[in-house]
């Protein structure tokens, strides 16, 4: 890995998944892969996150993740929830994301919804076509409120998400932070 934005999106995607045995066993490899990256906010956040995760026993890491992202809907990693809650507009946004993936020739292989943050980042890290990445970047525009919530309870996760917020604004500068999720024409 070279520190290219797509590499950092891939690493962030991996780190934002549930800290199962596979993730926890790959921390040394992840840490090693970012060592030669140029100094950046993303590199620093990844290194701090990996260092902290290495200090936790697996059960504690998993309990923390579940408490942060699975119990409180306000902190879910399903991005369209932050824009719409549970309603028809969210269903349409999810369908639009799924259609976008299909148009790009990408197939979801997990049971996660198409707006699951690690999945969005993985897609961005491998899809070279701006016409397919635009709706995904647009979906990420609503990430700042989640970052703000995490800054209080899990600053290391907030630090991982902050570079994504900056990248999303850079890729969709005309979209106000979170007001126009995927498929919205405002």
Protein backbone atom coordinates (compact mmCIF):
# COMPACT_ATOMS: atom_id res chain seq x y z
CA UNK A 1 0.00 0.00 0.00
CA UNK A 2 1.26 3.40 -0.93
CA UNK A 3 -0.91 5.79 1.02
CA UNK A 4 -2.96 6.58 -2.08
CA UNK A 5 -6.51 7.67 -1.15
CA UNK A 6 -7.97 4.39 -2.40
CA UNK A 7 -5.54 2.50 -0.16
CA UNK A 8 -6.57 4.58 2.83
CA UNK A 9 -10.26 4.03 2.03
CA UNK A 10 -9.65 0.30 1.96
CA UNK A 11 -7.82 0.32 5.30
CA UNK A 12 -10.51 2.51 6.88
CA UNK A 13 -13.14 0.12 5.54
CA UNK A 14 -11.40 -2.83 7.16
CA UNK A 15 -10.93 -1.05 10.49
CA UNK A 16 -14.56 0.03 10.69
CA UNK A 17 -15.84 -3.54 10.53
CA UNK A 18 -16.78 -5.44 13.65
CA UNK A 19 -13.52 -6.37 15.42
CA UNK A 20 -13.74 -10.11 14.87
CA UNK A 21 -10.82 -12.52 15.04
CA UNK A 22 -9.82 -11.86 11.41
CA UNK A 23 -9.57 -8.11 11.97
CA UNK A 24 -7.77 -8.44 15.28
CA UNK A 25 -5.28 -10.89 13.76
CA UNK A 26 -4.52 -8.49 10.89
CA UNK A 27 -3.62 -5.46 13.02
CA UNK A 28 0.14 -5.96 12.68
CA UNK A 29 -0.19 -6.25 8.91
CA UNK A 30 -2.33 -3.11 8.76
CA UNK A 31 0.10 -1.24 10.96
CA UNK A 32 3.00 -2.32 8.79
CA UNK A 33 1.20 -1.38 5.56
CA UNK A 34 0.77 2.26 6.60
CA UNK A 35 4.28 2.75 7.97
CA UNK A 36 5.68 4.09 4.69
CA UNK A 37 2.72 6.32 3.89
CA UNK A 38 3.40 10.03 3.92
CA UNK A 39 2.44 11.75 7.15
CA UNK A 40 -1.26 12.61 7.04
CA UNK A 41 -4.33 12.89 9.20
CA UNK A 42 -5.47 9.51 7.89
CA UNK A 43 -2.17 7.76 8.65
CA UNK A 44 -2.09 9.21 12.18
CA UNK A 45 -5.71 8.16 12.81
CA UNK A 46 -5.08 4.63 11.56
CA UNK A 47 -1.93 4.24 13.64
CA UNK A 48 -3.64 5.53 16.80
CA UNK A 49 -6.64 3.29 16.20
CA UNK A 50 -4.54 0.18 15.64
CA UNK A 51 -2.42 0.96 18.72
CA UNK A 52 -5.50 1.32 20.90
CA UNK A 53 -7.21 -1.77 19.49
CA UNK A 54 -4.09 -3.82 20.21
CA UNK A 55 -4.35 -2.89 23.90
CA UNK A 56 -7.91 -4.21 24.25
CA UNK A 57 -8.82 -7.81 24.81
CA UNK A 58 -11.04 -9.11 22.01
CA UNK A 59 -14.22 -9.24 24.09
CA UNK A 60 -13.78 -5.65 25.24
CA UNK A 61 -13.15 -4.46 21.66
CA UNK A 62 -16.28 -6.28 20.46
CA UNK A 63 -18.44 -5.01 23.33
CA UNK A 64 -17.29 -1.44 22.68
CA UNK A 65 -18.08 -1.73 18.96
CA UNK A 66 -21.54 -3.15 19.66
CA UNK A 67 -22.28 -0.47 22.27
CA UNK A 68 -21.15 2.28 19.90
CA UNK A 69 -22.72 1.24 16.62
CA UNK A 70 -25.40 -1.40 17.15
CA UNK A 71 -27.42 -0.28 20.17
CA UNK A 72 -28.03 3.41 19.45
CA UNK A 73 -29.51 4.12 16.00
CA UNK A 74 -28.06 7.64 16.18
CA UNK A 75 -24.60 6.08 15.85
CA UNK A 76 -25.34 3.43 13.25
CA UNK A 77 -22.88 2.87 10.42
CA UNK A 78 -25.80 2.76 7.99
CA UNK A 79 -25.43 6.20 6.46
CA UNK A 80 -28.92 6.72 5.02
CA UNK A 81 -30.43 6.27 8.47
CA UNK A 82 -28.78 9.55 9.51
CA UNK A 83 -30.54 11.39 6.69
CA UNK A 84 -33.95 9.72 6.72
CA UNK A 85 -34.48 7.54 9.77
CA UNK A 86 -36.73 4.60 8.92
CA UNK A 87 -39.03 5.71 6.10
CA UNK A 88 -39.77 5.42 2.39
CA UNK A 89 -37.13 7.98 1.42
CA UNK A 90 -34.49 5.83 3.06
CA UNK A 91 -35.79 2.78 1.22
CA UNK A 92 -35.49 4.68 -2.06
CA UNK A 93 -31.96 5.81 -1.20
CA UNK A 94 -30.96 2.22 -0.40
CA UNK A 95 -32.44 1.03 -3.68
CA UNK A 96 -30.55 3.77 -5.54
CA UNK A 97 -27.27 2.74 -3.92
CA UNK A 98 -27.90 -0.90 -4.78
CA UNK A 99 -28.70 0.07 -8.37
CA UNK A 100 -25.49 2.12 -8.49
CA UNK A 101 -23.46 -0.89 -7.34
CA UNK A 102 -25.08 -3.08 -9.98
CA UNK A 103 -24.42 -0.50 -12.70
CA UNK A 104 -20.76 -0.49 -11.67
CA UNK A 105 -20.65 -4.30 -11.93
CA UNK A 106 -20.15 -4.73 -8.19
CA UNK A 107 -21.99 -7.33 -6.17
CA UNK A 108 -22.50 -7.14 -2.43
CA UNK A 109 -21.56 -10.43 -0.80
CA UNK A 110 -22.56 -9.69 2.78
CA UNK A 111 -25.96 -9.28 4.34
CA UNK A 112 -25.28 -5.64 5.17
CA UNK A 113 -27.44 -2.92 3.67
CA UNK A 114 -25.92 -1.01 0.73
CA UNK A 115 -25.33 2.08 2.90
CA UNK A 116 -23.12 0.31 5.47
CA UNK A 117 -20.11 2.59 5.89
CA UNK A 118 -17.37 -0.05 5.53
CA UNK A 119 -19.08 -1.26 2.35
CA UNK A 120 -19.28 2.26 0.93
CA UNK A 121 -15.57 2.76 1.61
CA UNK A 122 -14.65 -0.59 0.07
CA UNK A 123 -16.62 0.29 -3.05
CA UNK A 124 -14.88 3.67 -3.30
CA UNK A 125 -11.49 2.01 -2.91
CA UNK A 126 -12.00 -0.26 -5.92
CA UNK A 127 -14.35 1.61 -8.28
CA UNK A 128 -12.47 3.79 -10.79
CA UNK A 129 -15.54 5.39 -12.37
CA UNK A 130 -16.66 8.79 -11.03
CA UNK A 131 -20.18 8.29 -12.38
CA UNK A 132 -20.54 5.41 -9.92
CA UNK A 133 -18.65 6.90 -6.99
CA UNK A 134 -20.53 10.22 -6.93
CA UNK A 135 -23.68 8.83 -5.28
CA UNK A 136 -21.55 7.05 -2.68
CA UNK A 137 -19.59 10.20 -1.85
CA UNK A 138 -22.91 12.01 -1.63
CA UNK A 139 -24.14 9.42 0.87
CA UNK A 140 -21.07 10.12 3.01
CA UNK A 141 -21.97 13.81 3.28
CA UNK A 142 -24.03 13.06 6.40
CA UNK A 143 -21.10 11.62 8.34
CA UNK A 144 -20.21 14.70 10.44
CA UNK A 145 -23.01 14.27 13.02
CA UNK A 146 -21.81 10.71 13.65
CA UNK A 147 -18.26 11.97 14.09
CA UNK A 148 -19.50 14.55 16.60
CA UNK A 149 -21.31 11.85 18.62
CA UNK A 150 -18.25 9.59 18.61
CA UNK A 151 -15.88 12.36 19.71
CA UNK A 152 -17.43 12.12 23.19
CA UNK A 153 -17.49 8.34 23.67
CA UNK A 154 -14.94 6.96 21.21
CA UNK A 155 -12.53 9.62 19.97
CA UNK A 156 -10.36 7.03 18.24
CA UNK A 157 -13.32 6.08 16.00
CA UNK A 158 -14.13 9.76 15.43
CA UNK A 159 -10.55 10.32 14.30
CA UNK A 160 -10.89 7.45 11.79
CA UNK A 161 -14.03 9.03 10.34
CA UNK A 162 -12.82 12.64 10.16
CA UNK A 163 -10.64 12.12 7.04
CA UNK A 164 -13.64 10.53 5.32
CA UNK A 165 -15.70 13.65 6.06
CA UNK A 166 -13.02 15.80 4.45
CA UNK A 167 -12.80 13.51 1.41
CA UNK A 168 -16.59 13.54 0.99
CA UNK A 169 -16.70 17.34 1.05
CA UNK A 170 -13.86 17.44 -1.48
CA UNK A 171 -15.67 15.03 -3.83
CA UNK A 172 -19.09 16.68 -3.45
CA UNK A 173 -18.37 20.34 -2.66
CA UNK A 174 -21.75 21.51 -3.92
CA UNK A 175 -23.62 19.20 -1.55
CA UNK A 176 -24.24 20.62 1.89
CA UNK A 177 -23.03 18.29 4.66
CA UNK A 178 -25.75 15.67 4.86
CA UNK A 179 -28.69 17.58 3.46
CA UNK A 180 -28.82 15.77 0.12
CA UNK A 181 -28.20 12.02 0.46
CA UNK A 182 -27.97 9.61 -2.48
CA UNK A 183 -30.67 10.03 -5.04
CA UNK A 184 -31.84 13.38 -3.66
CA UNK A 185 -32.09 16.24 -6.09
CA UNK A 186 -32.11 19.45 -4.15
